[in-house]
């Protein structure tokens, strides 16, 4: 894949561990024609880049994450 983009996320888009999977419908990707599914930890730094397609998933500027245990 050669297309990369930046996807802005709401805190509600993240799973209970603070991450998201790529490929993602948020990035307008179809699961049947994309790379293998990978977990990206967005909560750690506020953004994560997919190692396969280069898509960056970034938490929105005004989004707050709940404290996780």
PDB file of N, CA and C in Angstrom:
ATOM      1  N   UNK A   1       0.840  -1.188   0.000  1.00  0.00           N
ATOM      2  CA  UNK A   1       0.000   0.000   0.000  1.00  0.00           C
ATOM      3  C   UNK A   1       0.874   1.236   0.000  1.00  0.00           C
ATOM      4  N   UNK A   2       0.470   2.210  -0.730  1.00  0.00           N
ATOM      5  CA  UNK A   2       1.271   3.423  -0.810  1.00  0.00           C
ATOM      6  C   UNK A   2       0.521   4.657  -0.329  1.00  0.00           C
ATOM      7  N   UNK A   3      -0.730   4.494   0.008  1.00  0.00           N
ATOM      8  CA  UNK A   3      -1.522   5.636   0.450  1.00  0.00           C
ATOM      9  C   UNK A   3      -1.450   5.761   1.960  1.00  0.00           C
ATOM     10  N   UNK A   4      -1.090   6.946   2.451  1.00  0.00           N
ATOM     11  CA  UNK A   4      -1.122   7.171   3.891  1.00  0.00           C
ATOM     12  C   UNK A   4      -1.887   8.449   4.157  1.00  0.00           C
ATOM     13  N   UNK A   5      -2.527   8.484   5.312  1.00  0.00           N
ATOM     14  CA  UNK A   5      -3.315   9.647   5.678  1.00  0.00           C
ATOM     15  C   UNK A   5      -3.308   9.770   7.189  1.00  0.00           C
ATOM     16  N   UNK A   6      -3.897  10.845   7.679  1.00  0.00           N
ATOM     17  CA  UNK A   6      -4.033  11.053   9.113  1.00  0.00           C
ATOM     18  C   UNK A   6      -5.510  11.019   9.460  1.00  0.00           C
ATOM     19  N   UNK A   7      -5.857  10.201  10.439  1.00  0.00           N
ATOM     20  CA  UNK A   7      -7.232  10.035  10.883  1.00  0.00           C
ATOM     21  C   UNK A   7      -7.342  10.614  12.283  1.00  0.00           C
ATOM     22  N   UNK A   8      -8.227  11.589  12.464  1.00  0.00           N
ATOM     23  CA  UNK A   8      -8.448  12.169  13.787  1.00  0.00           C
ATOM     24  C   UNK A   8      -9.507  11.349  14.507  1.00  0.00           C
ATOM     25  N   UNK A   9      -9.192  10.970  15.742  1.00  0.00           N
ATOM     26  CA  UNK A   9     -10.064  10.113  16.527  1.00  0.00           C
ATOM     27  C   UNK A   9     -10.657  10.830  17.725  1.00  0.00           C
ATOM     28  N   UNK A  10     -11.834  10.398  18.115  1.00  0.00           N
ATOM     29  CA  UNK A  10     -12.430  10.805  19.385  1.00  0.00           C
ATOM     30  C   UNK A  10     -12.016   9.766  20.425  1.00  0.00           C
ATOM     31  N   UNK A  11     -12.015  10.133  21.683  1.00  0.00           N
ATOM     32  CA  UNK A  11     -11.667   9.187  22.745  1.00  0.00           C
ATOM     33  C   UNK A  11     -12.579   7.961  22.687  1.00  0.00           C
ATOM     34  N   UNK A  12     -13.827   8.152  22.308  1.00  0.00           N
ATOM     35  CA  UNK A  12     -14.788   7.049  22.220  1.00  0.00           C
ATOM     36  C   UNK A  12     -14.449   6.057  21.107  1.00  0.00           C
ATOM     37  N   UNK A  13     -13.603   6.446  20.156  1.00  0.00           N
ATOM     38  CA  UNK A  13     -13.203   5.550  19.072  1.00  0.00           C
ATOM     39  C   UNK A  13     -12.196   4.505  19.531  1.00  0.00           C
ATOM     40  N   UNK A  14     -11.531   4.753  20.650  1.00  0.00           N
ATOM     41  CA  UNK A  14     -10.507   3.839  21.149  1.00  0.00           C
ATOM     42  C   UNK A  14     -11.137   2.717  21.962  1.00  0.00           C
ATOM     43  N   UNK A  15     -10.474   1.560  21.971  1.00  0.00           N
ATOM     44  CA  UNK A  15     -10.981   0.470  22.793  1.00  0.00           C
ATOM     45  C   UNK A  15     -10.624   0.716  24.259  1.00  0.00           C
ATOM     46  N   UNK A  16     -10.994  -0.199  25.140  1.00  0.00           N
ATOM     47  CA  UNK A  16     -10.777   0.012  26.575  1.00  0.00           C
ATOM     48  C   UNK A  16      -9.299   0.062  26.963  1.00  0.00           C
ATOM     49  N   UNK A  17      -8.410  -0.361  26.070  1.00  0.00           N
ATOM     50  CA  UNK A  17      -6.973  -0.298  26.326  1.00  0.00           C
ATOM     51  C   UNK A  17      -6.336   0.955  25.726  1.00  0.00           C
ATOM     52  N   UNK A  18      -7.129   1.765  25.059  1.00  0.00           N
ATOM     53  CA  UNK A  18      -6.613   2.996  24.475  1.00  0.00           C
ATOM     54  C   UNK A  18      -6.048   2.845  23.081  1.00  0.00           C
ATOM     55  N   UNK A  19      -6.490   1.832  22.371  1.00  0.00           N
ATOM     56  CA  UNK A  19      -5.958   1.595  21.039  1.00  0.00           C
ATOM     57  C   UNK A  19      -7.035   1.438  19.989  1.00  0.00           C
ATOM     58  N   UNK A  20      -6.559   1.223  18.777  1.00  0.00           N
ATOM     59  CA  UNK A  20      -7.432   1.007  17.628  1.00  0.00           C
ATOM     60  C   UNK A  20      -6.726   0.010  16.722  1.00  0.00           C
ATOM     61  N   UNK A  21      -7.485  -0.675  15.890  1.00  0.00           N
ATOM     62  CA  UNK A  21      -6.903  -1.613  14.947  1.00  0.00           C
ATOM     63  C   UNK A  21      -6.853  -0.991  13.561  1.00  0.00           C
ATOM     64  N   UNK A  22      -5.830  -1.341  12.813  1.00  0.00           N
ATOM     65  CA  UNK A  22      -5.708  -0.944  11.417  1.00  0.00           C
ATOM     66  C   UNK A  22      -5.563  -2.232  10.620  1.00  0.00           C
ATOM     67  N   UNK A  23      -6.276  -2.401   9.525  1.00  0.00           N
ATOM     68  CA  UNK A  23      -7.127  -1.438   8.848  1.00  0.00           C
ATOM     69  C   UNK A  23      -8.387  -1.142   9.649  1.00  0.00           C
ATOM     70  N   UNK A  24      -8.894   0.056   9.440  1.00  0.00           N
ATOM     71  CA  UNK A  24     -10.046   0.531  10.191  1.00  0.00           C
ATOM     72  C   UNK A  24     -11.065   1.180   9.263  1.00  0.00           C
ATOM     73  N   UNK A  25     -12.349   0.972   9.538  1.00  0.00           N
ATOM     74  CA  UNK A  25     -13.377   1.688   8.778  1.00  0.00           C
ATOM     75  C   UNK A  25     -13.234   3.208   8.930  1.00  0.00           C
ATOM     76  N   UNK A  26     -12.632   3.670  10.035  1.00  0.00           N
ATOM     77  CA  UNK A  26     -12.401   5.108  10.242  1.00  0.00           C
ATOM     78  C   UNK A  26     -11.503   5.675   9.146  1.00  0.00           C
ATOM     79  N   UNK A  27     -10.642   4.836   8.595  1.00  0.00           N
ATOM     80  CA  UNK A  27      -9.731   5.258   7.530  1.00  0.00           C
ATOM     81  C   UNK A  27     -10.283   4.907   6.150  1.00  0.00           C
ATOM     82  N   UNK A  28     -11.566   4.544   6.096  1.00  0.00           N
ATOM     83  CA  UNK A  28     -12.229   4.173   4.847  1.00  0.00           C
ATOM     84  C   UNK A  28     -11.523   3.005   4.160  1.00  0.00           C
ATOM     85  N   UNK A  29     -11.054   2.040   4.957  1.00  0.00           N
ATOM     86  CA  UNK A  29     -10.395   0.851   4.421  1.00  0.00           C
ATOM     87  C   UNK A  29     -11.365  -0.318   4.448  1.00  0.00           C
ATOM     88  N   UNK A  30     -11.330  -1.094   3.418  1.00  0.00           N
ATOM     89  CA  UNK A  30     -12.113  -2.322   3.365  1.00  0.00           C
ATOM     90  C   UNK A  30     -11.233  -3.453   3.896  1.00  0.00           C
ATOM     91  N   UNK A  31     -11.763  -4.250   4.799  1.00  0.00           N
ATOM     92  CA  UNK A  31     -10.968  -5.318   5.399  1.00  0.00           C
ATOM     93  C   UNK A  31     -10.538  -6.369   4.386  1.00  0.00           C
ATOM     94  N   UNK A  32     -11.309  -6.573   3.349  1.00  0.00           N
ATOM     95  CA  UNK A  32     -11.010  -7.631   2.394  1.00  0.00           C
ATOM     96  C   UNK A  32      -9.866  -7.293   1.440  1.00  0.00           C
ATOM     97  N   UNK A  33      -9.477  -6.034   1.332  1.00  0.00           N
ATOM     98  CA  UNK A  33      -8.412  -5.689   0.383  1.00  0.00           C
ATOM     99  C   UNK A  33      -7.268  -4.929   1.046  1.00  0.00           C
ATOM    100  N   UNK A  34      -7.075  -5.142   2.336  1.00  0.00           N
ATOM    101  CA  UNK A  34      -6.055  -4.392   3.069  1.00  0.00           C
ATOM    102  C   UNK A  34      -5.004  -5.327   3.643  1.00  0.00           C
ATOM    103  N   UNK A  35      -4.099  -4.764   4.402  1.00  0.00           N
ATOM    104  CA  UNK A  35      -3.015  -5.506   5.043  1.00  0.00           C
ATOM    105  C   UNK A  35      -3.519  -6.266   6.265  1.00  0.00           C
ATOM    106  N   UNK A  36      -2.667  -7.089   6.894  1.00  0.00           N
ATOM    107  CA  UNK A  36      -3.072  -7.792   8.117  1.00  0.00           C
ATOM    108  C   UNK A  36      -3.465  -6.813   9.225  1.00  0.00           C
ATOM    109  N   UNK A  37      -4.360  -7.243  10.077  1.00  0.00           N
ATOM    110  CA  UNK A  37      -4.857  -6.419  11.185  1.00  0.00           C
ATOM    111  C   UNK A  37      -3.760  -6.245  12.242  1.00  0.00           C
ATOM    112  N   UNK A  38      -3.508  -4.992  12.630  1.00  0.00           N
ATOM    113  CA  UNK A  38      -2.517  -4.696  13.669  1.00  0.00           C
ATOM    114  C   UNK A  38      -3.128  -3.772  14.715  1.00  0.00           C
ATOM    115  N   UNK A  39      -2.692  -3.960  15.974  1.00  0.00           N
ATOM    116  CA  UNK A  39      -3.148  -3.125  17.084  1.00  0.00           C
ATOM    117  C   UNK A  39      -2.212  -1.930  17.217  1.00  0.00           C
ATOM    118  N   UNK A  40      -2.777  -0.739  17.349  1.00  0.00           N
ATOM    119  CA  UNK A  40      -1.995   0.486  17.509  1.00  0.00           C
ATOM    120  C   UNK A  40      -2.375   1.150  18.825  1.00  0.00           C
ATOM    121  N   UNK A  41      -1.392   1.413  19.674  1.00  0.00           N
ATOM    122  CA  UNK A  41      -1.613   2.028  20.987  1.00  0.00           C
ATOM    123  C   UNK A  41      -1.596   3.548  20.842  1.00  0.00           C
ATOM    124  N   UNK A  42      -2.764   4.136  20.729  1.00  0.00           N
ATOM    125  CA  UNK A  42      -2.895   5.584  20.562  1.00  0.00           C
ATOM    126  C   UNK A  42      -2.777   6.301  21.904  1.00  0.00           C
ATOM    127  N   UNK A  43      -3.249   5.678  22.978  1.00  0.00           N
ATOM    128  CA  UNK A  43      -3.279   6.325  24.296  1.00  0.00           C
ATOM    129  C   UNK A  43      -1.882   6.670  24.821  1.00  0.00           C
ATOM    130  N   UNK A  44      -0.890   5.910  24.450  1.00  0.00           N
ATOM    131  CA  UNK A  44       0.460   6.117  24.985  1.00  0.00           C
ATOM    132  C   UNK A  44       1.013   7.499  24.661  1.00  0.00           C
ATOM    133  N   UNK A  45       0.902   7.930  23.412  1.00  0.00           N
ATOM    134  CA  UNK A  45       1.470   9.221  23.004  1.00  0.00           C
ATOM    135  C   UNK A  45       0.460  10.161  22.350  1.00  0.00           C
ATOM    136  N   UNK A  46      -0.770   9.684  22.143  1.00  0.00           N
ATOM    137  CA  UNK A  46      -1.774  10.506  21.478  1.00  0.00           C
ATOM    138  C   UNK A  46      -1.875  10.243  19.990  1.00  0.00           C
ATOM    139  N   UNK A  47      -0.941   9.439  19.458  1.00  0.00           N
ATOM    140  CA  UNK A  47      -1.022   9.044  18.058  1.00  0.00           C
ATOM    141  C   UNK A  47      -0.206   7.784  17.825  1.00  0.00           C
ATOM    142  N   UNK A  48      -0.519   7.106  16.729  1.00  0.00           N
ATOM    143  CA  UNK A  48       0.219   5.910  16.339  1.00  0.00           C
ATOM    144  C   UNK A  48       0.168   5.784  14.822  1.00  0.00           C
ATOM    145  N   UNK A  49       1.248   5.240  14.251  1.00  0.00           N
ATOM    146  CA  UNK A  49       1.345   5.060  12.797  1.00  0.00           C
ATOM    147  C   UNK A  49       1.336   3.566  12.473  1.00  0.00           C
ATOM    148  N   UNK A  50       0.534   3.198  11.498  1.00  0.00           N
ATOM    149  CA  UNK A  50       0.481   1.812  11.056  1.00  0.00           C
ATOM    150  C   UNK A  50       1.773   1.464  10.313  1.00  0.00           C
ATOM    151  N   UNK A  51       2.437   0.367  10.699  1.00  0.00           N
ATOM    152  CA  UNK A  51       3.678  -0.006  10.019  1.00  0.00           C
ATOM    153  C   UNK A  51       3.464  -0.529   8.599  1.00  0.00           C
ATOM    154  N   UNK A  52       2.251  -0.928   8.260  1.00  0.00           N
ATOM    155  CA  UNK A  52       1.965  -1.443   6.920  1.00  0.00           C
ATOM    156  C   UNK A  52       1.628  -0.350   5.920  1.00  0.00           C
ATOM    157  N   UNK A  53       0.649   0.487   6.254  1.00  0.00           N
ATOM    158  CA  UNK A  53       0.152   1.460   5.269  1.00  0.00           C
ATOM    159  C   UNK A  53       0.560   2.896   5.573  1.00  0.00           C
ATOM    160  N   UNK A  54       1.107   3.149   6.765  1.00  0.00           N
ATOM    161  CA  UNK A  54       1.554   4.492   7.110  1.00  0.00           C
ATOM    162  C   UNK A  54       0.463   5.418   7.619  1.00  0.00           C
ATOM    163  N   UNK A  55      -0.770   4.925   7.729  1.00  0.00           N
ATOM    164  CA  UNK A  55      -1.852   5.757   8.244  1.00  0.00           C
ATOM    165  C   UNK A  55      -1.555   6.147   9.684  1.00  0.00           C
ATOM    166  N   UNK A  56      -1.736   7.429   9.991  1.00  0.00           N
ATOM    167  CA  UNK A  56      -1.537   7.925  11.349  1.00  0.00           C
ATOM    168  C   UNK A  56      -2.906   8.097  11.984  1.00  0.00           C
ATOM    169  N   UNK A  57      -3.078   7.508  13.152  1.00  0.00           N
ATOM    170  CA  UNK A  57      -4.300   7.654  13.943  1.00  0.00           C
ATOM    171  C   UNK A  57      -3.957   8.585  15.090  1.00  0.00           C
ATOM    172  N   UNK A  58      -4.622   9.726  15.150  1.00  0.00           N
ATOM    173  CA  UNK A  58      -4.291  10.779  16.121  1.00  0.00           C
ATOM    174  C   UNK A  58      -5.525  11.139  16.930  1.00  0.00           C
ATOM    175  N   UNK A  59      -5.350  11.250  18.236  1.00  0.00           N
ATOM    176  CA  UNK A  59      -6.427  11.681  19.115  1.00  0.00           C
ATOM    177  C   UNK A  59      -6.696  13.156  18.865  1.00  0.00           C
ATOM    178  N   UNK A  60      -7.963  13.535  18.744  1.00  0.00           N
ATOM    179  CA  UNK A  60      -8.341  14.924  18.494  1.00  0.00           C
ATOM    180  C   UNK A  60      -7.808  15.862  19.564  1.00  0.00           C
ATOM    181  N   UNK A  61      -7.602  17.118  19.203  1.00  0.00           N
ATOM    182  CA  UNK A  61      -6.977  18.112  20.083  1.00  0.00           C
ATOM    183  C   UNK A  61      -7.713  18.304  21.398  1.00  0.00           C
ATOM    184  N   UNK A  62      -9.012  18.251  21.405  1.00  0.00           N
ATOM    185  CA  UNK A  62      -9.782  18.493  22.626  1.00  0.00           C
ATOM    186  C   UNK A  62     -10.274  17.215  23.291  1.00  0.00           C
ATOM    187  N   UNK A  63      -9.762  16.088  22.865  1.00  0.00           N
ATOM    188  CA  UNK A  63     -10.207  14.803  23.416  1.00  0.00           C
ATOM    189  C   UNK A  63      -9.437  14.465  24.687  1.00  0.00           C
ATOM    190  N   UNK A  64     -10.140  13.949  25.666  1.00  0.00           N
ATOM    191  CA  UNK A  64      -9.549  13.541  26.945  1.00  0.00           C
ATOM    192  C   UNK A  64      -9.762  12.045  27.130  1.00  0.00           C
ATOM    193  N   UNK A  65      -8.701  11.348  27.492  1.00  0.00           N
ATOM    194  CA  UNK A  65      -8.820   9.929  27.783  1.00  0.00           C
ATOM    195  C   UNK A  65      -9.132   9.733  29.253  1.00  0.00           C
ATOM    196  N   UNK A  66     -10.025   8.810  29.536  1.00  0.00           N
ATOM    197  CA  UNK A  66     -10.305   8.455  30.931  1.00  0.00           C
ATOM    198  C   UNK A  66      -9.097   7.692  31.466  1.00  0.00           C
ATOM    199  N   UNK A  67      -8.841   7.793  32.750  1.00  0.00           N
ATOM    200  CA  UNK A  67      -7.732   7.044  33.347  1.00  0.00           C
ATOM    201  C   UNK A  67      -8.014   5.561  33.232  1.00  0.00           C
ATOM    202  N   UNK A  68      -7.009   4.829  32.840  1.00  0.00           N
ATOM    203  CA  UNK A  68      -7.158   3.391  32.659  1.00  0.00           C
ATOM    204  C   UNK A  68      -6.408   2.670  33.774  1.00  0.00           C
ATOM    205  N   UNK A  69      -6.927   1.520  34.165  1.00  0.00           N
ATOM    206  CA  UNK A  69      -6.300   0.729  35.231  1.00  0.00           C
ATOM    207  C   UNK A  69      -5.573  -0.432  34.643  1.00  0.00           C
TER     208      UNK A  69
END
